[in-house]
Amino acid sequence: MEDAVAVVGAAAVNKLQPPPPTCPVCLEPWTCNGGHRICCIPCGHVYGRSCLERWLHRSSHASAKCPQCGEQFEDKLITNLYAPGNLWDGCCRLQELEANYKSIIKEMEGRATSITVSDFNRFGAEMKEAIAKFFAELKGLFSAHFEQAINNVNKSWNEKVATANAGMTSMKDQMKKMAEEENATATDLVEFMERNFTQLCYL
């Protein structure tokens, strides 16, 4: 994969390869040695040395202005720059490597994005499962709570029914005794029933 990317990167560099650096005065490539060797002046602009010397000679003064920015310079301020003879080849190689690694980095970023999306999807699935489990447990808790409440109601109701039955039995026994007594009247029995029935209703 990396070899294929390198080939593509090299092809892109060769296709869009810029021209070699040239002297701004003569528009010819400067050299690494000889009369037109690369040099610079205090402002930082770079020229072929012979072009600067001619430029300075034509000014008929001890100093001249930089052809690009106009800053004054003298002959003694011209500084030779030392660059390898294969500097241009090195620049091309750097551009080739840059294109190569940009392609590789782009591919790695694509993979990283894919991994991130995959991790996000997995995280989402885990969260969905956890939420479903939580609601199931919550439902179970409420179901248990409601079941307990219903059991309590049933228990209370059964206790009241048992108490009412016991009260009715007791009331019947007492009414039977009252009926057997010679001094008990019908009014006494009715009042007794009303009183006890009211008490049973409040159970």
Protein backbone atom coordinates (compact mmCIF):
# COMPACT_ATOMS: atom_id res chain seq x y z
CA MET A 1 0.00 0.00 0.00
CA GLU A 2 2.80 2.44 0.95
CA ASP A 3 4.67 1.67 -2.31
CA ALA A 4 1.56 2.52 -4.32
CA VAL A 5 1.13 5.75 -2.39
CA ALA A 6 4.78 6.63 -2.99
CA VAL A 7 4.38 6.11 -6.74
CA VAL A 8 1.31 8.33 -6.79
CA GLY A 9 3.10 10.98 -4.73
CA ALA A 10 6.15 10.94 -6.99
CA ALA A 11 3.97 11.20 -10.10
CA ALA A 12 2.19 14.21 -8.62
CA VAL A 13 5.53 15.92 -7.88
CA ASN A 14 6.87 15.26 -11.38
CA LYS A 15 3.68 16.52 -12.94
CA LEU A 16 3.58 19.76 -10.93
CA GLN A 17 7.36 20.21 -10.56
CA PRO A 18 8.22 23.94 -10.27
CA PRO A 19 11.19 25.41 -12.13
CA PRO A 20 14.57 25.52 -10.34
CA PRO A 21 15.36 28.70 -8.37
CA THR A 22 16.72 31.50 -10.53
CA CYS A 23 18.50 34.78 -10.04
CA PRO A 24 15.96 37.67 -10.08
CA VAL A 25 18.35 39.80 -12.17
CA CYS A 26 19.22 37.51 -15.09
CA LEU A 27 16.45 34.95 -14.55
CA GLU A 28 19.02 32.17 -14.90
CA PRO A 29 19.56 29.48 -12.26
CA TRP A 30 22.27 30.45 -9.81
CA THR A 31 25.03 27.93 -9.16
CA CYS A 32 26.70 26.46 -6.10
CA ASN A 33 30.15 27.70 -7.15
CA GLY A 34 31.81 29.85 -9.78
CA GLY A 35 31.08 33.44 -10.75
CA HIS A 36 27.29 33.08 -10.59
CA ARG A 37 27.32 31.31 -7.28
CA ILE A 38 24.44 31.88 -4.89
CA CYS A 39 24.86 34.81 -2.49
CA CYS A 40 22.76 37.25 -0.52
CA ILE A 41 22.83 40.82 0.75
CA PRO A 42 21.77 42.19 4.20
CA CYS A 43 18.10 42.51 3.22
CA GLY A 44 18.02 38.73 2.70
CA HIS A 45 17.34 38.57 -1.03
CA VAL A 46 19.33 35.98 -2.96
CA TYR A 47 21.10 36.46 -6.32
CA GLY A 48 23.91 35.14 -8.48
CA ARG A 49 27.10 36.94 -7.30
CA SER A 50 28.20 38.13 -10.75
CA CYS A 51 24.80 39.80 -11.28
CA LEU A 52 25.09 41.71 -8.01
CA GLU A 53 28.63 42.82 -8.84
CA ARG A 54 27.52 44.12 -12.24
CA TRP A 55 24.51 45.81 -10.63
CA LEU A 56 26.81 47.51 -8.14
CA HIS A 57 29.29 48.56 -10.88
CA ARG A 58 26.54 50.15 -12.98
CA SER A 59 25.44 52.32 -10.06
CA SER A 60 28.81 54.18 -10.22
CA HIS A 61 28.73 54.45 -6.44
CA ALA A 62 30.18 52.54 -3.53
CA SER A 63 26.72 51.19 -2.82
CA ALA A 64 23.63 50.23 -4.76
CA LYS A 65 19.99 49.43 -4.06
CA CYS A 66 18.65 45.90 -3.87
CA PRO A 67 16.87 45.18 -7.19
CA GLN A 68 13.85 43.87 -5.27
CA CYS A 69 13.37 45.96 -2.12
CA GLY A 70 15.61 48.97 -2.70
CA GLU A 71 17.68 48.57 0.48
CA GLN A 72 21.26 49.87 0.11
CA PHE A 73 24.15 47.37 0.07
CA GLU A 74 27.91 47.50 -0.56
CA ASP A 75 30.29 45.06 -2.17
CA LYS A 76 31.70 44.02 1.19
CA LEU A 77 28.20 43.12 2.37
CA ILE A 78 27.66 40.51 -0.35
CA THR A 79 27.76 37.13 1.40
CA ASN A 80 28.38 33.82 -0.37
CA LEU A 81 25.95 31.06 0.51
CA TYR A 82 27.12 27.48 0.58
CA ALA A 83 24.62 25.02 -0.84
CA PRO A 84 25.20 21.43 -2.02
CA GLY A 85 25.43 20.86 -5.75
CA ASN A 86 22.40 18.58 -5.69
CA LEU A 87 20.27 21.09 -3.77
CA TRP A 88 17.53 21.07 -6.42
CA ASP A 89 17.41 17.28 -6.42
CA GLY A 90 17.13 17.42 -2.65
CA CYS A 91 14.24 19.89 -2.87
CA CYS A 92 12.45 17.62 -5.33
CA ARG A 93 12.99 14.67 -3.04
CA LEU A 94 11.58 16.61 -0.09
CA GLN A 95 8.51 17.54 -2.12
CA GLU A 96 8.14 13.92 -3.16
CA LEU A 97 8.36 12.75 0.44
CA GLU A 98 5.89 15.44 1.50
CA ALA A 99 3.37 14.32 -1.12
CA ASN A 100 3.98 10.70 -0.15
CA TYR A 101 3.41 11.21 3.54
CA LYS A 102 0.45 13.52 2.99
CA SER A 103 -1.22 10.65 1.14
CA ILE A 104 -0.32 8.22 3.91
CA ILE A 105 -1.53 10.62 6.61
CA LYS A 106 -4.79 11.13 4.73
CA GLU A 107 -5.28 7.37 4.56
CA MET A 108 -4.49 7.00 8.27
CA GLU A 109 -6.94 9.79 9.09
CA GLY A 110 -9.59 7.93 7.11
CA ARG A 111 -8.90 4.78 9.09
CA ALA A 112 -8.95 6.73 12.35
CA THR A 113 -12.32 8.21 11.38
CA SER A 114 -13.62 4.74 10.57
CA ILE A 115 -12.40 3.41 13.91
CA THR A 116 -13.94 6.35 15.72
CA VAL A 117 -17.31 5.78 14.04
CA SER A 118 -17.10 2.07 14.82
CA ASP A 119 -16.27 2.76 18.45
CA PHE A 120 -19.09 5.31 18.61
CA ASN A 121 -21.57 2.80 17.18
CA ARG A 122 -20.43 0.16 19.65
CA PHE A 123 -20.69 2.63 22.50
CA GLY A 124 -24.19 3.57 21.36
CA ALA A 125 -25.24 -0.09 21.30
CA GLU A 126 -23.82 -0.62 24.79
CA MET A 127 -25.65 2.45 26.07
CA LYS A 128 -28.90 1.27 24.48
CA GLU A 129 -28.52 -2.12 26.13
CA ALA A 130 -27.70 -0.54 29.50
CA ILE A 131 -30.75 1.76 29.30
CA ALA A 132 -33.02 -1.17 28.39
CA LYS A 133 -31.63 -3.15 31.33
CA PHE A 134 -32.18 -0.17 33.65
CA PHE A 135 -35.82 0.22 32.62
CA ALA A 136 -36.38 -3.52 32.97
CA GLU A 137 -35.02 -3.40 36.51
CA LEU A 138 -37.08 -0.29 37.23
CA LYS A 139 -40.20 -2.01 35.93
CA GLY A 140 -39.40 -5.01 38.10
CA LEU A 141 -39.05 -2.81 41.15
CA PHE A 142 -42.37 -1.08 40.48
CA SER A 143 -44.05 -4.41 39.78
CA ALA A 144 -42.76 -5.77 43.06
CA HIS A 145 -43.92 -2.59 44.82
CA PHE A 146 -47.40 -2.78 43.31
CA GLU A 147 -47.63 -6.48 44.06
CA GLN A 148 -46.71 -5.82 47.68
CA ALA A 149 -49.27 -3.01 47.87
CA ILE A 150 -51.99 -5.29 46.48
CA ASN A 151 -51.02 -7.99 48.94
CA ASN A 152 -51.26 -5.48 51.78
CA VAL A 153 -54.72 -4.38 50.60
CA ASN A 154 -55.89 -7.97 50.32
CA LYS A 155 -54.51 -8.75 53.75
CA SER A 156 -56.21 -5.72 55.27
CA TRP A 157 -59.47 -6.56 53.53
CA ASN A 158 -59.37 -10.16 54.68
CA GLU A 159 -58.69 -9.02 58.24
CA LYS A 160 -61.66 -6.63 58.12
CA VAL A 161 -63.91 -9.34 56.65
CA ALA A 162 -62.83 -11.74 59.37
CA THR A 163 -63.47 -9.08 62.02
CA ALA A 164 -66.89 -8.32 60.51
CA ASN A 165 -67.80 -11.99 60.43
CA ALA A 166 -66.72 -12.36 64.01
CA GLY A 167 -68.79 -9.28 64.92
CA MET A 168 -71.85 -10.64 63.12
CA THR A 169 -71.50 -13.96 64.91
CA SER A 170 -71.15 -12.20 68.25
CA MET A 171 -74.15 -9.97 67.47
CA LYS A 172 -76.29 -12.97 66.54
CA ASP A 173 -75.37 -14.71 69.78
CA GLN A 174 -76.20 -11.64 71.82
CA MET A 175 -79.52 -11.15 70.00
CA LYS A 176 -80.37 -14.76 70.65
CA LYS A 177 -79.69 -14.28 74.34
CA MET A 178 -81.75 -11.08 74.40
CA ALA A 179 -84.64 -12.85 72.69
CA GLU A 180 -84.53 -15.57 75.29
CA GLU A 181 -84.75 -13.01 78.08
CA GLU A 182 -88.32 -12.24 79.11
CA ASN A 183 -87.75 -8.48 79.64
CA ALA A 184 -86.18 -7.83 76.18
CA THR A 185 -88.55 -6.03 73.82
CA ALA A 186 -88.54 -5.76 70.04
CA THR A 187 -87.38 -2.16 70.35
CA ASP A 188 -84.34 -3.32 72.36
CA LEU A 189 -83.42 -5.79 69.64
CA VAL A 190 -83.76 -3.18 66.87
CA GLU A 191 -81.62 -0.65 68.75
CA PHE A 192 -79.02 -3.32 69.46
CA MET A 193 -78.87 -4.27 65.76
CA GLU A 194 -78.60 -0.63 64.64
CA ARG A 195 -75.81 0.07 67.11
CA ASN A 196 -73.74 -2.97 66.23
CA PHE A 197 -74.38 -2.66 62.50
CA THR A 198 -73.05 0.92 62.59
CA GLN A 199 -69.90 -0.29 64.36
CA LEU A 200 -69.42 -3.01 61.72
CA CYS A 201 -69.67 -0.44 58.95
CA TYR A 202 -66.66 1.46 60.40
CA LEU A 203 -64.41 -1.60 60.35
